[in-house]
Amino acid sequence: MCPVSSDFTSYIMMKLLSFIEKFNSVFRATVCTIDINLSELEYLAAHLDSFECRRLIAAMHYKTYDLPQLIAGAERKIDGDVLCLRQLLHWNNSPSEGVGATHEDLEHRLRQINRHDLATWLGKTVFKELRSDIEKSLKKVFRQFGEQEIQTQYPITLEPIHQVEEEDPWTEVDTILMILLVGLAGSLMLIVLSLINHRVRNFLFQKKQETLSNFDEEKEKLLNSDTD
């Protein structure tokens, strides 16, 4: 077997580092910087009524995690005659509003206006897009590796070619690919754990809010019964 050239090894290392850098940027995006695309906004606009849309737009203007008790004042500032999709696009493209926001932000606000179904759909869509991006990146990297196959060239000679004893089939390329796969598996595990952690935190937060809401209702009933 022909030994691996230093140029090809350098090429593989360069591609490997480039892939790891891109993959890390994708991983960072899973928790903080995934862009909101047009198809997602169109889906949300089609499944929100005019009241819910105004309430969502008003809620997205707040930077705090929790919304104030009353956001009616902010809702009244939203023009109800403008199409929901147009309002969502305006919010999404405005530097002082939606630019820099995330799927996670929008998902959180959807839950706060009691559209848990749309929030769940959005979270699943994010995961599918992430999986698709990772698969495309892997296919591109391995396709580039395949295009750079080492071709053994023999000089023209009248002497018979002597068969060389086979060496160990495990090469530097195999080692690099193994490192790549191990790193990818670890990164995927981190992504899954991060998503699970986010879902658990949201679930606990919702349960806490439901408990507080039930407590307030019981307290109000007791006060009303005492008054009677």
Protein backbone atom coordinates (compact mmCIF):
# COMPACT_ATOMS: atom_id res chain seq x y z
CA MET A 1 0.00 0.00 0.00
CA CYS A 2 1.28 3.42 -0.93
CA PRO A 3 1.97 5.65 2.09
CA VAL A 4 -0.25 8.71 2.56
CA SER A 5 1.37 11.87 1.24
CA SER A 6 1.96 14.80 3.59
CA ASP A 7 0.02 17.12 1.26
CA PHE A 8 -3.06 14.93 1.41
CA THR A 9 -2.77 14.61 5.19
CA SER A 10 -2.57 18.40 5.48
CA TYR A 11 -5.62 18.73 3.25
CA ILE A 12 -7.62 16.34 5.42
CA MET A 13 -6.56 18.12 8.62
CA MET A 14 -7.58 21.46 7.13
CA LYS A 15 -11.00 20.11 6.11
CA LEU A 16 -11.42 18.47 9.51
CA LEU A 17 -10.71 21.70 11.37
CA SER A 18 -13.05 23.59 9.05
CA PHE A 19 -15.81 21.05 9.65
CA ILE A 20 -15.35 21.16 13.43
CA GLU A 21 -15.52 24.96 13.36
CA LYS A 22 -18.74 24.88 11.32
CA PHE A 23 -20.21 22.18 13.53
CA ASN A 24 -19.44 24.18 16.66
CA SER A 25 -21.19 27.19 15.15
CA VAL A 26 -24.23 24.99 14.48
CA PHE A 27 -24.12 23.72 18.07
CA ARG A 28 -23.98 27.27 19.44
CA ALA A 29 -26.94 28.08 17.23
CA THR A 30 -29.02 25.33 18.78
CA VAL A 31 -29.17 27.19 22.06
CA CYS A 32 -29.00 30.83 21.07
CA THR A 33 -28.75 31.91 17.42
CA ILE A 34 -31.02 29.96 15.05
CA ASP A 35 -32.65 32.34 12.53
CA ILE A 36 -36.39 32.36 12.05
CA ASN A 37 -37.25 31.67 8.41
CA LEU A 38 -40.16 32.73 6.21
CA SER A 39 -41.91 29.34 6.09
CA GLU A 40 -42.12 29.25 9.88
CA LEU A 41 -43.60 32.76 10.03
CA GLU A 42 -46.13 31.85 7.33
CA TYR A 43 -47.21 28.78 9.29
CA LEU A 44 -47.62 30.78 12.50
CA ALA A 45 -49.57 33.54 10.76
CA ALA A 46 -51.94 30.98 9.24
CA HIS A 47 -52.66 29.41 12.64
CA LEU A 48 -53.06 32.57 14.75
CA ASP A 49 -56.26 34.60 14.87
CA SER A 50 -56.07 38.40 14.84
CA PHE A 51 -56.26 38.69 18.64
CA GLU A 52 -53.55 36.06 19.20
CA CYS A 53 -51.32 37.67 16.58
CA ARG A 54 -51.55 41.11 18.21
CA ARG A 55 -50.90 39.57 21.60
CA LEU A 56 -47.86 37.68 20.29
CA ILE A 57 -46.39 40.77 18.61
CA ALA A 58 -46.94 42.78 21.79
CA ALA A 59 -45.33 40.03 23.90
CA MET A 60 -42.28 39.82 21.61
CA HIS A 61 -41.50 43.50 22.27
CA TYR A 62 -40.70 42.70 25.91
CA LYS A 63 -37.13 41.65 26.69
CA THR A 64 -37.89 40.10 30.09
CA TYR A 65 -38.46 36.37 30.53
CA ASP A 66 -41.84 36.88 32.20
CA LEU A 67 -44.56 39.11 30.79
CA PRO A 68 -46.23 41.80 32.90
CA GLN A 69 -49.66 41.04 34.30
CA LEU A 70 -51.36 43.35 31.82
CA ILE A 71 -50.09 43.87 28.28
CA ALA A 72 -53.34 45.33 26.97
CA GLY A 73 -51.66 48.71 26.51
CA ALA A 74 -49.03 47.20 24.25
CA GLU A 75 -51.68 45.23 22.34
CA ARG A 76 -53.66 48.38 21.59
CA LYS A 77 -50.60 49.85 19.86
CA ILE A 78 -50.63 46.98 17.33
CA ASP A 79 -52.59 47.80 14.18
CA GLY A 80 -55.27 45.14 13.83
CA ASP A 81 -55.89 45.96 10.15
CA VAL A 82 -52.40 44.83 9.11
CA LEU A 83 -52.05 41.18 8.09
CA CYS A 84 -50.50 38.92 10.72
CA LEU A 85 -47.74 37.74 8.38
CA ARG A 86 -46.79 41.31 7.57
CA GLN A 87 -46.58 42.17 11.27
CA LEU A 88 -44.43 39.11 11.94
CA LEU A 89 -42.12 39.99 9.04
CA HIS A 90 -41.83 43.58 10.25
CA TRP A 91 -40.95 42.39 13.75
CA ASN A 92 -38.50 39.78 12.44
CA ASN A 93 -36.61 42.22 10.19
CA SER A 94 -36.48 45.25 12.50
CA PRO A 95 -33.08 45.74 14.21
CA SER A 96 -34.75 47.22 17.30
CA GLU A 97 -37.24 44.34 17.53
CA GLY A 98 -36.79 40.83 16.18
CA VAL A 99 -33.27 40.93 14.72
CA GLY A 100 -31.14 38.74 16.96
CA ALA A 101 -34.14 36.92 18.44
CA THR A 102 -34.29 33.13 18.36
CA HIS A 103 -36.64 30.21 17.86
CA GLU A 104 -36.41 29.71 21.60
CA ASP A 105 -37.63 33.26 22.27
CA LEU A 106 -40.59 32.87 19.95
CA GLU A 107 -41.43 29.44 21.32
CA HIS A 108 -41.44 30.82 24.87
CA ARG A 109 -43.79 33.69 23.94
CA LEU A 110 -46.15 31.29 22.16
CA ARG A 111 -46.49 29.28 25.35
CA GLN A 112 -47.16 32.45 27.31
CA ILE A 113 -50.16 33.26 25.08
CA ASN A 114 -51.41 29.67 25.55
CA ARG A 115 -50.51 28.42 22.06
CA HIS A 116 -48.59 25.40 23.28
CA ASP A 117 -49.38 23.51 20.08
CA LEU A 118 -47.56 26.07 17.92
CA ALA A 119 -44.68 26.23 20.40
CA THR A 120 -44.27 22.44 20.24
CA TRP A 121 -44.40 22.51 16.44
CA LEU A 122 -41.73 25.21 16.33
CA GLY A 123 -39.41 23.25 18.64
CA LYS A 124 -39.73 20.12 16.49
CA THR A 125 -39.09 22.15 13.35
CA VAL A 126 -35.86 23.51 14.83
CA PHE A 127 -34.60 20.02 15.63
CA LYS A 128 -35.42 18.75 12.12
CA GLU A 129 -33.58 21.70 10.55
CA LEU A 130 -30.56 21.08 12.77
CA ARG A 131 -30.48 17.38 11.85
CA SER A 132 -30.77 18.24 8.15
CA ASP A 133 -27.91 20.77 8.37
CA ILE A 134 -25.65 18.24 10.11
CA GLU A 135 -26.42 15.55 7.52
CA LYS A 136 -25.68 17.96 4.66
CA SER A 137 -22.39 19.01 6.28
CA LEU A 138 -21.31 15.40 6.74
CA LYS A 139 -22.18 14.46 3.16
CA LYS A 140 -20.25 17.45 1.85
CA VAL A 141 -17.15 16.64 3.90
CA PHE A 142 -17.06 12.96 2.94
CA ARG A 143 -17.77 13.80 -0.71
CA GLN A 144 -14.73 16.09 -0.71
CA PHE A 145 -12.68 13.30 0.84
CA GLY A 146 -13.83 10.94 -1.92
CA GLU A 147 -12.85 13.40 -4.65
CA GLN A 148 -9.29 13.51 -3.28
CA GLU A 149 -8.53 9.80 -3.58
CA ILE A 150 -4.89 8.88 -3.77
CA GLN A 151 -4.04 7.38 -7.13
CA THR A 152 -0.91 5.27 -7.36
CA GLN A 153 1.04 6.12 -10.49
CA TYR A 154 3.60 3.67 -11.87
CA PRO A 155 6.38 4.87 -14.23
CA ILE A 156 6.53 3.35 -17.71
CA THR A 157 9.19 0.62 -17.65
CA LEU A 158 10.03 -2.62 -19.40
CA GLU A 159 10.88 -4.26 -16.11
CA PRO A 160 8.16 -6.34 -14.50
CA ILE A 161 6.37 -4.73 -11.61
CA HIS A 162 7.13 -6.55 -8.42
CA GLN A 163 4.21 -7.02 -6.10
CA VAL A 164 4.77 -5.24 -2.82
CA GLU A 165 3.70 -6.93 0.36
CA GLU A 166 0.55 -5.41 1.80
CA GLU A 167 1.03 -3.18 4.79
CA ASP A 168 -1.34 -2.51 7.63
CA PRO A 169 -4.59 -1.28 6.00
CA TRP A 170 -5.19 1.20 8.86
CA THR A 171 -3.91 4.56 7.61
CA GLU A 172 -3.70 8.12 8.86
CA VAL A 173 -6.92 8.86 6.98
CA ASP A 174 -8.73 6.16 8.98
CA THR A 175 -7.44 7.67 12.22
CA ILE A 176 -8.61 11.14 11.24
CA LEU A 177 -12.05 9.87 10.21
CA MET A 178 -12.36 7.98 13.50
CA ILE A 179 -11.53 11.15 15.44
CA LEU A 180 -14.12 13.02 13.37
CA LEU A 181 -16.83 10.45 14.10
CA VAL A 182 -16.05 10.38 17.82
CA GLY A 183 -16.13 14.18 17.98
CA LEU A 184 -19.40 14.26 16.06
CA ALA A 185 -21.00 11.70 18.35
CA GLY A 186 -19.95 13.71 21.41
CA SER A 187 -21.28 16.94 19.94
CA LEU A 188 -24.60 15.31 19.04
CA MET A 189 -24.90 14.04 22.60
CA LEU A 190 -24.33 17.57 23.92
CA ILE A 191 -27.03 18.91 21.58
CA VAL A 192 -29.54 16.27 22.69
CA LEU A 193 -28.78 16.91 26.38
CA SER A 194 -29.13 20.66 25.84
CA LEU A 195 -32.52 20.25 24.16
CA ILE A 196 -33.72 17.86 26.86
CA ASN A 197 -32.61 20.30 29.56
CA HIS A 198 -34.48 23.12 27.83
CA ARG A 199 -37.66 21.03 27.56
CA VAL A 200 -37.46 20.01 31.23
CA ARG A 201 -36.99 23.61 32.36
CA ASN A 202 -39.97 24.73 30.30
CA PHE A 203 -42.09 21.88 31.66
CA LEU A 204 -41.20 22.71 35.28
CA PHE A 205 -41.85 26.40 34.65
CA GLN A 206 -45.29 25.64 33.18
CA LYS A 207 -46.17 23.38 36.11
CA LYS A 208 -45.13 26.11 38.53
CA GLN A 209 -47.27 28.66 36.71
CA GLU A 210 -50.25 26.28 36.72
CA THR A 211 -49.81 25.62 40.44
CA LEU A 212 -49.66 29.34 41.23
CA SER A 213 -52.70 29.96 39.03
CA ASN A 214 -54.69 27.22 40.78
CA PHE A 215 -53.63 28.57 44.17
CA ASP A 216 -54.81 32.07 43.24
CA GLU A 217 -58.15 30.69 42.06
CA GLU A 218 -58.67 28.74 45.29
CA LYS A 219 -57.71 31.78 47.31
CA GLU A 220 -60.18 33.94 45.40
CA LYS A 221 -62.95 31.37 45.93
CA LEU A 222 -62.27 31.30 49.67
CA LEU A 223 -62.37 35.08 49.85
CA ASN A 224 -65.64 35.17 47.93
CA SER A 225 -67.18 32.52 50.18
CA ASP A 226 -66.12 34.46 53.29
CA THR A 227 -67.66 37.61 51.87
CA ASP A 228 -70.95 35.83 51.23
